[in-house]
C-alpha cells in the first residue's frame, strides 16, 4: 500500500469505534449469551450492564432473583466462558434495579 493510505477495513473499524457501534454490537452479543446462560425466565428479569476488568455487571429485577443468580454464579461463569471465551468474564456482579 502507498504511504498514508489506509485499508477500508481499517477506516471502518475506526468509524465504528468513534461512533460507539462496536459497543452496541458487543452489548447485543452479551445480552444474547446471557439469555443462553440463564434461560428465558431469568433473562426477562435481568439486563447485562457494563463490563470492567473482567467483571460483568448484571441488573436484576428483584433480590430473590439476585440470590438465585449468586447461587448459580460458578456455573454461570463456566457457561459464559464456553459461550464467549474472548470476553474473559471472570466475575459477575448483580445489582437490583429497574428492568425496562
PDB file of N, CA and C in Angstrom:
ATOM      1  N   UNK A   1       0.833  -1.183   0.000  1.00  0.00           N
ATOM      2  CA  UNK A   1       0.000   0.000   0.000  1.00  0.00           C
ATOM      3  C   UNK A   1       0.875   1.242   0.000  1.00  0.00           C
ATOM      4  N   UNK A   2       0.322   2.302  -0.524  1.00  0.00           N
ATOM      5  CA  UNK A   2       1.050   3.566  -0.538  1.00  0.00           C
ATOM      6  C   UNK A   2       1.022   4.178   0.856  1.00  0.00           C
ATOM      7  N   UNK A   3       2.053   4.937   1.132  1.00  0.00           N
ATOM      8  CA  UNK A   3       2.162   5.564   2.442  1.00  0.00           C
ATOM      9  C   UNK A   3       1.029   6.577   2.629  1.00  0.00           C
ATOM     10  N   UNK A   4       0.392   6.550   3.813  1.00  0.00           N
ATOM     11  CA  UNK A   4      -0.685   7.489   4.111  1.00  0.00           C
ATOM     12  C   UNK A   4      -2.070   6.959   3.775  1.00  0.00           C
ATOM     13  N   UNK A   5      -2.142   5.933   2.965  1.00  0.00           N
ATOM     14  CA  UNK A   5      -3.440   5.348   2.632  1.00  0.00           C
ATOM     15  C   UNK A   5      -3.750   4.229   3.615  1.00  0.00           C
ATOM     16  N   UNK A   6      -5.028   4.145   3.971  1.00  0.00           N
ATOM     17  CA  UNK A   6      -5.467   3.111   4.902  1.00  0.00           C
ATOM     18  C   UNK A   6      -6.440   2.186   4.190  1.00  0.00           C
ATOM     19  N   UNK A   7      -6.450   0.941   4.613  1.00  0.00           N
ATOM     20  CA  UNK A   7      -7.388  -0.005   4.029  1.00  0.00           C
ATOM     21  C   UNK A   7      -8.808   0.344   4.475  1.00  0.00           C
ATOM     22  N   UNK A   8      -9.780  -0.052   3.687  1.00  0.00           N
ATOM     23  CA  UNK A   8     -11.184   0.208   4.024  1.00  0.00           C
ATOM     24  C   UNK A   8     -11.547  -0.466   5.340  1.00  0.00           C
ATOM     25  N   UNK A   9     -10.976  -1.622   5.601  1.00  0.00           N
ATOM     26  CA  UNK A   9     -11.239  -2.326   6.860  1.00  0.00           C
ATOM     27  C   UNK A   9     -10.782  -1.487   8.045  1.00  0.00           C
ATOM     28  N   UNK A  10      -9.609  -0.878   7.925  1.00  0.00           N
ATOM     29  CA  UNK A  10      -9.075  -0.043   8.999  1.00  0.00           C
ATOM     30  C   UNK A  10      -9.951   1.197   9.207  1.00  0.00           C
ATOM     31  N   UNK A  11     -10.367   1.824   8.118  1.00  0.00           N
ATOM     32  CA  UNK A  11     -11.210   3.022   8.196  1.00  0.00           C
ATOM     33  C   UNK A  11     -12.548   2.691   8.845  1.00  0.00           C
ATOM     34  N   UNK A  12     -13.172   1.596   8.433  1.00  0.00           N
ATOM     35  CA  UNK A  12     -14.458   1.202   9.013  1.00  0.00           C
ATOM     36  C   UNK A  12     -14.326   0.882  10.496  1.00  0.00           C
ATOM     37  N   UNK A  13     -13.253   0.231  10.877  1.00  0.00           N
ATOM     38  CA  UNK A  13     -13.035  -0.086  12.293  1.00  0.00           C
ATOM     39  C   UNK A  13     -12.910   1.203  13.112  1.00  0.00           C
ATOM     40  N   UNK A  14     -12.214   2.200  12.567  1.00  0.00           N
ATOM     41  CA  UNK A  14     -12.079   3.482  13.263  1.00  0.00           C
ATOM     42  C   UNK A  14     -13.426   4.186  13.411  1.00  0.00           C
ATOM     43  N   UNK A  15     -14.217   4.186  12.341  1.00  0.00           N
ATOM     44  CA  UNK A  15     -15.531   4.839  12.383  1.00  0.00           C
ATOM     45  C   UNK A  15     -16.428   4.157  13.401  1.00  0.00           C
ATOM     46  N   UNK A  16     -16.435   2.832  13.394  1.00  0.00           N
ATOM     47  CA  UNK A  16     -17.274   2.096  14.348  1.00  0.00           C
ATOM     48  C   UNK A  16     -16.858   2.400  15.781  1.00  0.00           C
ATOM     49  N   UNK A  17     -15.566   2.468  16.023  1.00  0.00           N
ATOM     50  CA  UNK A  17     -15.082   2.749  17.377  1.00  0.00           C
ATOM     51  C   UNK A  17     -15.447   4.171  17.799  1.00  0.00           C
ATOM     52  N   UNK A  18     -15.291   5.123  16.913  1.00  0.00           N
ATOM     53  CA  UNK A  18     -15.603   6.519  17.244  1.00  0.00           C
ATOM     54  C   UNK A  18     -17.085   6.735  17.509  1.00  0.00           C
ATOM     55  N   UNK A  19     -17.907   6.090  16.738  1.00  0.00           N
ATOM     56  CA  UNK A  19     -19.357   6.269  16.861  1.00  0.00           C
ATOM     57  C   UNK A  19     -19.979   5.389  17.937  1.00  0.00           C
ATOM     58  N   UNK A  20     -19.227   4.463  18.483  1.00  0.00           N
ATOM     59  CA  UNK A  20     -19.743   3.604  19.536  1.00  0.00           C
ATOM     60  C   UNK A  20     -20.512   2.398  19.032  1.00  0.00           C
ATOM     61  N   UNK A  21     -20.464   2.135  17.722  1.00  0.00           N
ATOM     62  CA  UNK A  21     -21.202   0.999  17.175  1.00  0.00           C
ATOM     63  C   UNK A  21     -20.671  -0.326  17.690  1.00  0.00           C
ATOM     64  N   UNK A  22     -19.383  -0.395  17.926  1.00  0.00           N
ATOM     65  CA  UNK A  22     -18.799  -1.642  18.432  1.00  0.00           C
ATOM     66  C   UNK A  22     -19.353  -1.964  19.814  1.00  0.00           C
ATOM     67  N   UNK A  23     -19.537  -0.935  20.644  1.00  0.00           N
ATOM     68  CA  UNK A  23     -20.100  -1.141  21.981  1.00  0.00           C
ATOM     69  C   UNK A  23     -21.536  -1.629  21.923  1.00  0.00           C
ATOM     70  N   UNK A  24     -22.313  -1.087  20.997  1.00  0.00           N
ATOM     71  CA  UNK A  24     -23.706  -1.514  20.832  1.00  0.00           C
ATOM     72  C   UNK A  24     -23.756  -2.960  20.381  1.00  0.00           C
ATOM     73  N   UNK A  25     -22.908  -3.305  19.426  1.00  0.00           N
ATOM     74  CA  UNK A  25     -22.874  -4.680  18.933  1.00  0.00           C
ATOM     75  C   UNK A  25     -22.432  -5.629  20.039  1.00  0.00           C
ATOM     76  N   UNK A  26     -21.403  -5.237  20.801  1.00  0.00           N
ATOM     77  CA  UNK A  26     -20.905  -6.071  21.893  1.00  0.00           C
ATOM     78  C   UNK A  26     -21.997  -6.263  22.953  1.00  0.00           C
ATOM     79  N   UNK A  27     -22.745  -5.204  23.256  1.00  0.00           N
ATOM     80  CA  UNK A  27     -23.821  -5.287  24.234  1.00  0.00           C
ATOM     81  C   UNK A  27     -24.888  -6.280  23.784  1.00  0.00           C
ATOM     82  N   UNK A  28     -25.236  -6.254  22.512  1.00  0.00           N
ATOM     83  CA  UNK A  28     -26.234  -7.192  21.977  1.00  0.00           C
ATOM     84  C   UNK A  28     -25.729  -8.625  22.071  1.00  0.00           C
ATOM     85  N   UNK A  29     -24.453  -8.822  21.820  1.00  0.00           N
ATOM     86  CA  UNK A  29     -23.870 -10.166  21.920  1.00  0.00           C
ATOM     87  C   UNK A  29     -23.912 -10.640  23.370  1.00  0.00           C
ATOM     88  N   UNK A  30     -23.543  -9.754  24.311  1.00  0.00           N
ATOM     89  CA  UNK A  30     -23.589 -10.116  25.726  1.00  0.00           C
ATOM     90  C   UNK A  30     -25.006 -10.465  26.166  1.00  0.00           C
ATOM     91  N   UNK A  31     -25.995  -9.704  25.715  1.00  0.00           N
ATOM     92  CA  UNK A  31     -27.393  -9.999  26.065  1.00  0.00           C
ATOM     93  C   UNK A  31     -27.798 -11.376  25.551  1.00  0.00           C
ATOM     94  N   UNK A  32     -27.417 -11.689  24.331  1.00  0.00           N
ATOM     95  CA  UNK A  32     -27.767 -12.984  23.743  1.00  0.00           C
ATOM     96  C   UNK A  32     -27.111 -14.131  24.511  1.00  0.00           C
ATOM     97  N   UNK A  33     -25.839 -13.975  24.831  1.00  0.00           N
ATOM     98  CA  UNK A  33     -25.115 -15.017  25.567  1.00  0.00           C
ATOM     99  C   UNK A  33     -25.681 -15.146  26.983  1.00  0.00           C
ATOM    100  N   UNK A  34     -26.019 -14.017  27.612  1.00  0.00           N
ATOM    101  CA  UNK A  34     -26.616 -14.044  28.954  1.00  0.00           C
ATOM    102  C   UNK A  34     -27.923 -14.832  28.922  1.00  0.00           C
ATOM    103  N   UNK A  35     -28.752 -14.585  27.911  1.00  0.00           N
ATOM    104  CA  UNK A  35     -30.036 -15.293  27.762  1.00  0.00           C
ATOM    105  C   UNK A  35     -29.800 -16.797  27.655  1.00  0.00           C
ATOM    106  N   UNK A  36     -28.804 -17.191  26.892  1.00  0.00           N
ATOM    107  CA  UNK A  36     -28.489 -18.617  26.748  1.00  0.00           C
ATOM    108  C   UNK A  36     -28.013 -19.212  28.070  1.00  0.00           C
ATOM    109  N   UNK A  37     -27.236 -18.443  28.818  1.00  0.00           N
ATOM    110  CA  UNK A  37     -26.651 -18.960  30.061  1.00  0.00           C
ATOM    111  C   UNK A  37     -27.681 -19.111  31.166  1.00  0.00           C
ATOM    112  N   UNK A  38     -28.609 -18.139  31.310  1.00  0.00           N
ATOM    113  CA  UNK A  38     -29.526 -18.165  32.455  1.00  0.00           C
ATOM    114  C   UNK A  38     -30.920 -18.675  32.127  1.00  0.00           C
ATOM    115  N   UNK A  39     -31.266 -18.745  30.857  1.00  0.00           N
ATOM    116  CA  UNK A  39     -32.605 -19.183  30.483  1.00  0.00           C
ATOM    117  C   UNK A  39     -33.561 -18.008  30.326  1.00  0.00           C
ATOM    118  N   UNK A  40     -34.705 -18.276  29.749  1.00  0.00           N
ATOM    119  CA  UNK A  40     -35.667 -17.223  29.395  1.00  0.00           C
ATOM    120  C   UNK A  40     -36.221 -16.473  30.609  1.00  0.00           C
ATOM    121  N   UNK A  41     -36.592 -17.184  31.653  1.00  0.00           N
ATOM    122  CA  UNK A  41     -37.203 -16.516  32.808  1.00  0.00           C
ATOM    123  C   UNK A  41     -36.258 -15.486  33.418  1.00  0.00           C
ATOM    124  N   UNK A  42     -35.039 -15.920  33.766  1.00  0.00           N
ATOM    125  CA  UNK A  42     -34.077 -15.005  34.386  1.00  0.00           C
ATOM    126  C   UNK A  42     -33.668 -13.898  33.418  1.00  0.00           C
ATOM    127  N   UNK A  43     -33.577 -14.214  32.139  1.00  0.00           N
ATOM    128  CA  UNK A  43     -33.205 -13.208  31.150  1.00  0.00           C
ATOM    129  C   UNK A  43     -34.269 -12.116  31.032  1.00  0.00           C
ATOM    130  N   UNK A  44     -35.537 -12.488  31.175  1.00  0.00           N
ATOM    131  CA  UNK A  44     -36.622 -11.495  31.119  1.00  0.00           C
ATOM    132  C   UNK A  44     -36.573 -10.537  32.307  1.00  0.00           C
ATOM    133  N   UNK A  45     -35.974 -10.981  33.396  1.00  0.00           N
ATOM    134  CA  UNK A  45     -35.952 -10.191  34.624  1.00  0.00           C
ATOM    135  C   UNK A  45     -34.555  -9.669  34.967  1.00  0.00           C
ATOM    136  N   UNK A  46     -33.691  -9.610  33.959  1.00  0.00           N
ATOM    137  CA  UNK A  46     -32.344  -9.084  34.177  1.00  0.00           C
ATOM    138  C   UNK A  46     -31.813  -8.485  32.885  1.00  0.00           C
ATOM    139  N   UNK A  47     -30.822  -7.618  33.006  1.00  0.00           N
ATOM    140  CA  UNK A  47     -30.182  -6.981  31.864  1.00  0.00           C
ATOM    141  C   UNK A  47     -28.681  -6.926  32.118  1.00  0.00           C
ATOM    142  N   UNK A  48     -27.923  -7.185  31.073  1.00  0.00           N
ATOM    143  CA  UNK A  48     -26.474  -7.082  31.155  1.00  0.00           C
ATOM    144  C   UNK A  48     -26.101  -5.608  31.161  1.00  0.00           C
ATOM    145  N   UNK A  49     -25.195  -5.265  32.062  1.00  0.00           N
ATOM    146  CA  UNK A  49     -24.713  -3.887  32.153  1.00  0.00           C
ATOM    147  C   UNK A  49     -23.310  -3.771  31.603  1.00  0.00           C
ATOM    148  N   UNK A  50     -22.479  -3.070  32.315  1.00  0.00           N
ATOM    149  CA  UNK A  50     -21.123  -2.809  31.850  1.00  0.00           C
ATOM    150  C   UNK A  50     -20.181  -3.962  32.182  1.00  0.00           C
ATOM    151  N   UNK A  51     -19.074  -3.952  31.480  1.00  0.00           N
ATOM    152  CA  UNK A  51     -18.021  -4.948  31.697  1.00  0.00           C
ATOM    153  C   UNK A  51     -16.751  -4.179  32.033  1.00  0.00           C
ATOM    154  N   UNK A  52     -16.215  -4.424  33.227  1.00  0.00           N
ATOM    155  CA  UNK A  52     -14.989  -3.745  33.657  1.00  0.00           C
ATOM    156  C   UNK A  52     -14.033  -4.740  34.276  1.00  0.00           C
ATOM    157  N   UNK A  53     -12.840  -4.770  33.727  1.00  0.00           N
ATOM    158  CA  UNK A  53     -11.769  -5.619  34.270  1.00  0.00           C
ATOM    159  C   UNK A  53     -12.209  -7.055  34.512  1.00  0.00           C
ATOM    160  N   UNK A  54     -12.949  -7.602  33.559  1.00  0.00           N
ATOM    161  CA  UNK A  54     -13.368  -8.987  33.648  1.00  0.00           C
ATOM    162  C   UNK A  54     -14.619  -9.239  34.464  1.00  0.00           C
ATOM    163  N   UNK A  55     -15.192  -8.176  35.035  1.00  0.00           N
ATOM    164  CA  UNK A  55     -16.412  -8.322  35.830  1.00  0.00           C
ATOM    165  C   UNK A  55     -17.600  -7.802  35.028  1.00  0.00           C
ATOM    166  N   UNK A  56     -18.564  -8.665  34.816  1.00  0.00           N
ATOM    167  CA  UNK A  56     -19.787  -8.300  34.102  1.00  0.00           C
ATOM    168  C   UNK A  56     -20.852  -7.922  35.123  1.00  0.00           C
ATOM    169  N   UNK A  57     -21.358  -6.704  35.018  1.00  0.00           N
ATOM    170  CA  UNK A  57     -22.415  -6.256  35.914  1.00  0.00           C
ATOM    171  C   UNK A  57     -23.768  -6.622  35.304  1.00  0.00           C
ATOM    172  N   UNK A  58     -24.659  -7.131  36.137  1.00  0.00           N
ATOM    173  CA  UNK A  58     -25.986  -7.535  35.684  1.00  0.00           C
ATOM    174  C   UNK A  58     -27.024  -6.864  36.567  1.00  0.00           C
ATOM    175  N   UNK A  59     -27.948  -6.160  35.941  1.00  0.00           N
ATOM    176  CA  UNK A  59     -29.056  -5.517  36.632  1.00  0.00           C
ATOM    177  C   UNK A  59     -30.193  -6.531  36.741  1.00  0.00           C
ATOM    178  N   UNK A  60     -30.712  -6.720  37.950  1.00  0.00           N
ATOM    179  CA  UNK A  60     -31.715  -7.762  38.213  1.00  0.00           C
ATOM    180  C   UNK A  60     -32.950  -7.123  38.840  1.00  0.00           C
ATOM    181  N   UNK A  61     -34.130  -7.614  38.485  1.00  0.00           N
ATOM    182  CA  UNK A  61     -35.398  -7.006  38.889  1.00  0.00           C
ATOM    183  C   UNK A  61     -35.674  -7.075  40.387  1.00  0.00           C
ATOM    184  N   UNK A  62     -35.237  -8.127  41.067  1.00  0.00           N
ATOM    185  CA  UNK A  62     -35.559  -8.245  42.498  1.00  0.00           C
ATOM    186  C   UNK A  62     -34.484  -9.031  43.236  1.00  0.00           C
ATOM    187  N   UNK A  63     -34.493  -8.889  44.554  1.00  0.00           N
ATOM    188  CA  UNK A  63     -33.448  -9.503  45.376  1.00  0.00           C
ATOM    189  C   UNK A  63     -33.555 -11.034  45.422  1.00  0.00           C
ATOM    190  N   UNK A  64     -34.752 -11.563  45.279  1.00  0.00           N
ATOM    191  CA  UNK A  64     -34.892 -13.027  45.279  1.00  0.00           C
ATOM    192  C   UNK A  64     -34.160 -13.632  44.077  1.00  0.00           C
ATOM    193  N   UNK A  65     -34.284 -12.992  42.927  1.00  0.00           N
ATOM    194  CA  UNK A  65     -33.581 -13.487  41.742  1.00  0.00           C
ATOM    195  C   UNK A  65     -32.078 -13.259  41.872  1.00  0.00           C
ATOM    196  N   UNK A  66     -31.675 -12.177  42.505  1.00  0.00           N
ATOM    197  CA  UNK A  66     -30.245 -11.954  42.756  1.00  0.00           C
ATOM    198  C   UNK A  66     -29.685 -13.111  43.569  1.00  0.00           C
ATOM    199  N   UNK A  67     -30.389 -13.518  44.624  1.00  0.00           N
ATOM    200  CA  UNK A  67     -29.923 -14.635  45.447  1.00  0.00           C
ATOM    201  C   UNK A  67     -29.796 -15.912  44.628  1.00  0.00           C
ATOM    202  N   UNK A  68     -30.765 -16.167  43.771  1.00  0.00           N
ATOM    203  CA  UNK A  68     -30.706 -17.363  42.922  1.00  0.00           C
ATOM    204  C   UNK A  68     -29.510 -17.297  41.980  1.00  0.00           C
ATOM    205  N   UNK A  69     -29.278 -16.131  41.383  1.00  0.00           N
ATOM    206  CA  UNK A  69     -28.157 -15.991  40.456  1.00  0.00           C
ATOM    207  C   UNK A  69     -26.812 -16.093  41.178  1.00  0.00           C
ATOM    208  N   UNK A  70     -26.726 -15.579  42.393  1.00  0.00           N
ATOM    209  CA  UNK A  70     -25.498 -15.709  43.186  1.00  0.00           C
ATOM    210  C   UNK A  70     -25.226 -17.184  43.465  1.00  0.00           C
ATOM    211  N   UNK A  71     -26.259 -17.924  43.758  1.00  0.00           N
ATOM    212  CA  UNK A  71     -26.131 -19.362  43.994  1.00  0.00           C
ATOM    213  C   UNK A  71     -25.614 -20.075  42.739  1.00  0.00           C
ATOM    214  N   UNK A  72     -26.063 -19.632  41.556  1.00  0.00           N
ATOM    215  CA  UNK A  72     -25.677 -20.246  40.284  1.00  0.00           C
ATOM    216  C   UNK A  72     -24.391 -19.661  39.692  1.00  0.00           C
ATOM    217  N   UNK A  73     -23.819 -18.683  40.343  1.00  0.00           N
ATOM    218  CA  UNK A  73     -22.685 -17.932  39.800  1.00  0.00           C
ATOM    219  C   UNK A  73     -21.530 -18.811  39.278  1.00  0.00           C
ATOM    220  N   UNK A  74     -21.055 -19.799  40.014  1.00  0.00           N
ATOM    221  CA  UNK A  74     -19.950 -20.624  39.477  1.00  0.00           C
ATOM    222  C   UNK A  74     -20.303 -21.301  38.148  1.00  0.00           C
ATOM    223  N   UNK A  75     -21.500 -21.851  38.062  1.00  0.00           N
ATOM    224  CA  UNK A  75     -21.931 -22.493  36.822  1.00  0.00           C
ATOM    225  C   UNK A  75     -22.122 -21.475  35.704  1.00  0.00           C
ATOM    226  N   UNK A  76     -22.652 -20.297  36.049  1.00  0.00           N
ATOM    227  CA  UNK A  76     -22.841 -19.253  35.043  1.00  0.00           C
ATOM    228  C   UNK A  76     -21.506 -18.798  34.463  1.00  0.00           C
ATOM    229  N   UNK A  77     -20.503 -18.659  35.308  1.00  0.00           N
ATOM    230  CA  UNK A  77     -19.184 -18.252  34.824  1.00  0.00           C
ATOM    231  C   UNK A  77     -18.596 -19.284  33.867  1.00  0.00           C
ATOM    232  N   UNK A  78     -18.785 -20.545  34.161  1.00  0.00           N
ATOM    233  CA  UNK A  78     -18.306 -21.615  33.272  1.00  0.00           C
ATOM    234  C   UNK A  78     -19.042 -21.542  31.938  1.00  0.00           C
ATOM    235  N   UNK A  79     -20.351 -21.402  31.995  1.00  0.00           N
ATOM    236  CA  UNK A  79     -21.155 -21.335  30.769  1.00  0.00           C
ATOM    237  C   UNK A  79     -20.786 -20.119  29.937  1.00  0.00           C
ATOM    238  N   UNK A  80     -20.644 -18.967  30.578  1.00  0.00           N
ATOM    239  CA  UNK A  80     -20.274 -17.750  29.849  1.00  0.00           C
ATOM    240  C   UNK A  80     -18.887 -17.882  29.218  1.00  0.00           C
ATOM    241  N   UNK A  81     -17.974 -18.519  29.914  1.00  0.00           N
ATOM    242  CA  UNK A  81     -16.630 -18.726  29.362  1.00  0.00           C
ATOM    243  C   UNK A  81     -16.670 -19.643  28.139  1.00  0.00           C
ATOM    244  N   UNK A  82     -17.570 -20.617  28.145  1.00  0.00           N
ATOM    245  CA  UNK A  82     -17.705 -21.512  27.000  1.00  0.00           C
ATOM    246  C   UNK A  82     -18.372 -20.814  25.813  1.00  0.00           C
ATOM    247  N   UNK A  83     -19.391 -20.002  26.106  1.00  0.00           N
ATOM    248  CA  UNK A  83     -20.139 -19.336  25.038  1.00  0.00           C
ATOM    249  C   UNK A  83     -19.413 -18.123  24.466  1.00  0.00           C
ATOM    250  N   UNK A  84     -18.616 -17.450  25.284  1.00  0.00           N
ATOM    251  CA  UNK A  84     -17.964 -16.217  24.852  1.00  0.00           C
ATOM    252  C   UNK A  84     -16.543 -16.135  25.450  1.00  0.00           C
ATOM    253  N   UNK A  85     -15.655 -17.028  25.018  1.00  0.00           N
ATOM    254  CA  UNK A  85     -14.325 -17.084  25.633  1.00  0.00           C
ATOM    255  C   UNK A  85     -13.503 -15.808  25.454  1.00  0.00           C
ATOM    256  N   UNK A  86     -13.704 -15.107  24.344  1.00  0.00           N
ATOM    257  CA  UNK A  86     -12.907 -13.906  24.089  1.00  0.00           C
ATOM    258  C   UNK A  86     -13.239 -12.755  25.042  1.00  0.00           C
ATOM    259  N   UNK A  87     -14.393 -12.811  25.704  1.00  0.00           N
ATOM    260  CA  UNK A  87     -14.786 -11.749  26.640  1.00  0.00           C
ATOM    261  C   UNK A  87     -14.005 -11.830  27.950  1.00  0.00           C
ATOM    262  N   UNK A  88     -13.514 -13.006  28.291  1.00  0.00           N
ATOM    263  CA  UNK A  88     -12.732 -13.213  29.523  1.00  0.00           C
ATOM    264  C   UNK A  88     -13.478 -12.718  30.762  1.00  0.00           C
ATOM    265  N   UNK A  89     -14.728 -13.166  30.900  1.00  0.00           N
ATOM    266  CA  UNK A  89     -15.544 -12.819  32.065  1.00  0.00           C
ATOM    267  C   UNK A  89     -15.102 -13.710  33.222  1.00  0.00           C
ATOM    268  N   UNK A  90     -14.567 -13.095  34.279  1.00  0.00           N
ATOM    269  CA  UNK A  90     -14.099 -13.898  35.408  1.00  0.00           C
ATOM    270  C   UNK A  90     -14.879 -13.632  36.691  1.00  0.00           C
ATOM    271  N   UNK A  91     -15.857 -12.708  36.626  1.00  0.00           N
ATOM    272  CA  UNK A  91     -16.700 -12.461  37.794  1.00  0.00           C
ATOM    273  C   UNK A  91     -18.016 -11.837  37.338  1.00  0.00           C
ATOM    274  N   UNK A  92     -19.031 -11.998  38.156  1.00  0.00           N
ATOM    275  CA  UNK A  92     -20.344 -11.399  37.916  1.00  0.00           C
ATOM    276  C   UNK A  92     -20.723 -10.568  39.130  1.00  0.00           C
ATOM    277  N   UNK A  93     -21.273  -9.398  38.883  1.00  0.00           N
ATOM    278  CA  UNK A  93     -21.757  -8.541  39.972  1.00  0.00           C
ATOM    279  C   UNK A  93     -23.232  -8.272  39.687  1.00  0.00           C
ATOM    280  N   UNK A  94     -24.078  -8.612  40.641  1.00  0.00           N
ATOM    281  CA  UNK A  94     -25.520  -8.431  40.485  1.00  0.00           C
ATOM    282  C   UNK A  94     -25.971  -7.215  41.279  1.00  0.00           C
ATOM    283  N   UNK A  95     -26.896  -6.469  40.688  1.00  0.00           N
ATOM    284  CA  UNK A  95     -27.415  -5.276  41.316  1.00  0.00           C
ATOM    285  C   UNK A  95     -28.916  -5.216  41.061  1.00  0.00           C
ATOM    286  N   UNK A  96     -29.689  -4.952  42.096  1.00  0.00           N
ATOM    287  CA  UNK A  96     -31.146  -4.827  41.953  1.00  0.00           C
ATOM    288  C   UNK A  96     -31.452  -3.460  41.354  1.00  0.00           C
ATOM    289  N   UNK A  97     -32.356  -3.473  40.367  1.00  0.00           N
ATOM    290  CA  UNK A  97     -32.730  -2.207  39.738  1.00  0.00           C
ATOM    291  C   UNK A  97     -33.928  -2.380  38.813  1.00  0.00           C
ATOM    292  N   UNK A  98     -34.327  -1.283  38.217  1.00  0.00           N
ATOM    293  CA  UNK A  98     -35.468  -1.256  37.290  1.00  0.00           C
ATOM    294  C   UNK A  98     -35.091  -1.915  35.960  1.00  0.00           C
ATOM    295  N   UNK A  99     -35.912  -2.859  35.534  1.00  0.00           N
ATOM    296  CA  UNK A  99     -35.723  -3.518  34.250  1.00  0.00           C
ATOM    297  C   UNK A  99     -36.791  -2.985  33.302  1.00  0.00           C
ATOM    298  N   UNK A 100     -36.358  -2.460  32.171  1.00  0.00           N
ATOM    299  CA  UNK A 100     -37.317  -1.925  31.181  1.00  0.00           C
ATOM    300  C   UNK A 100     -38.035  -3.013  30.444  1.00  0.00           C
TER     301      UNK A 100
END
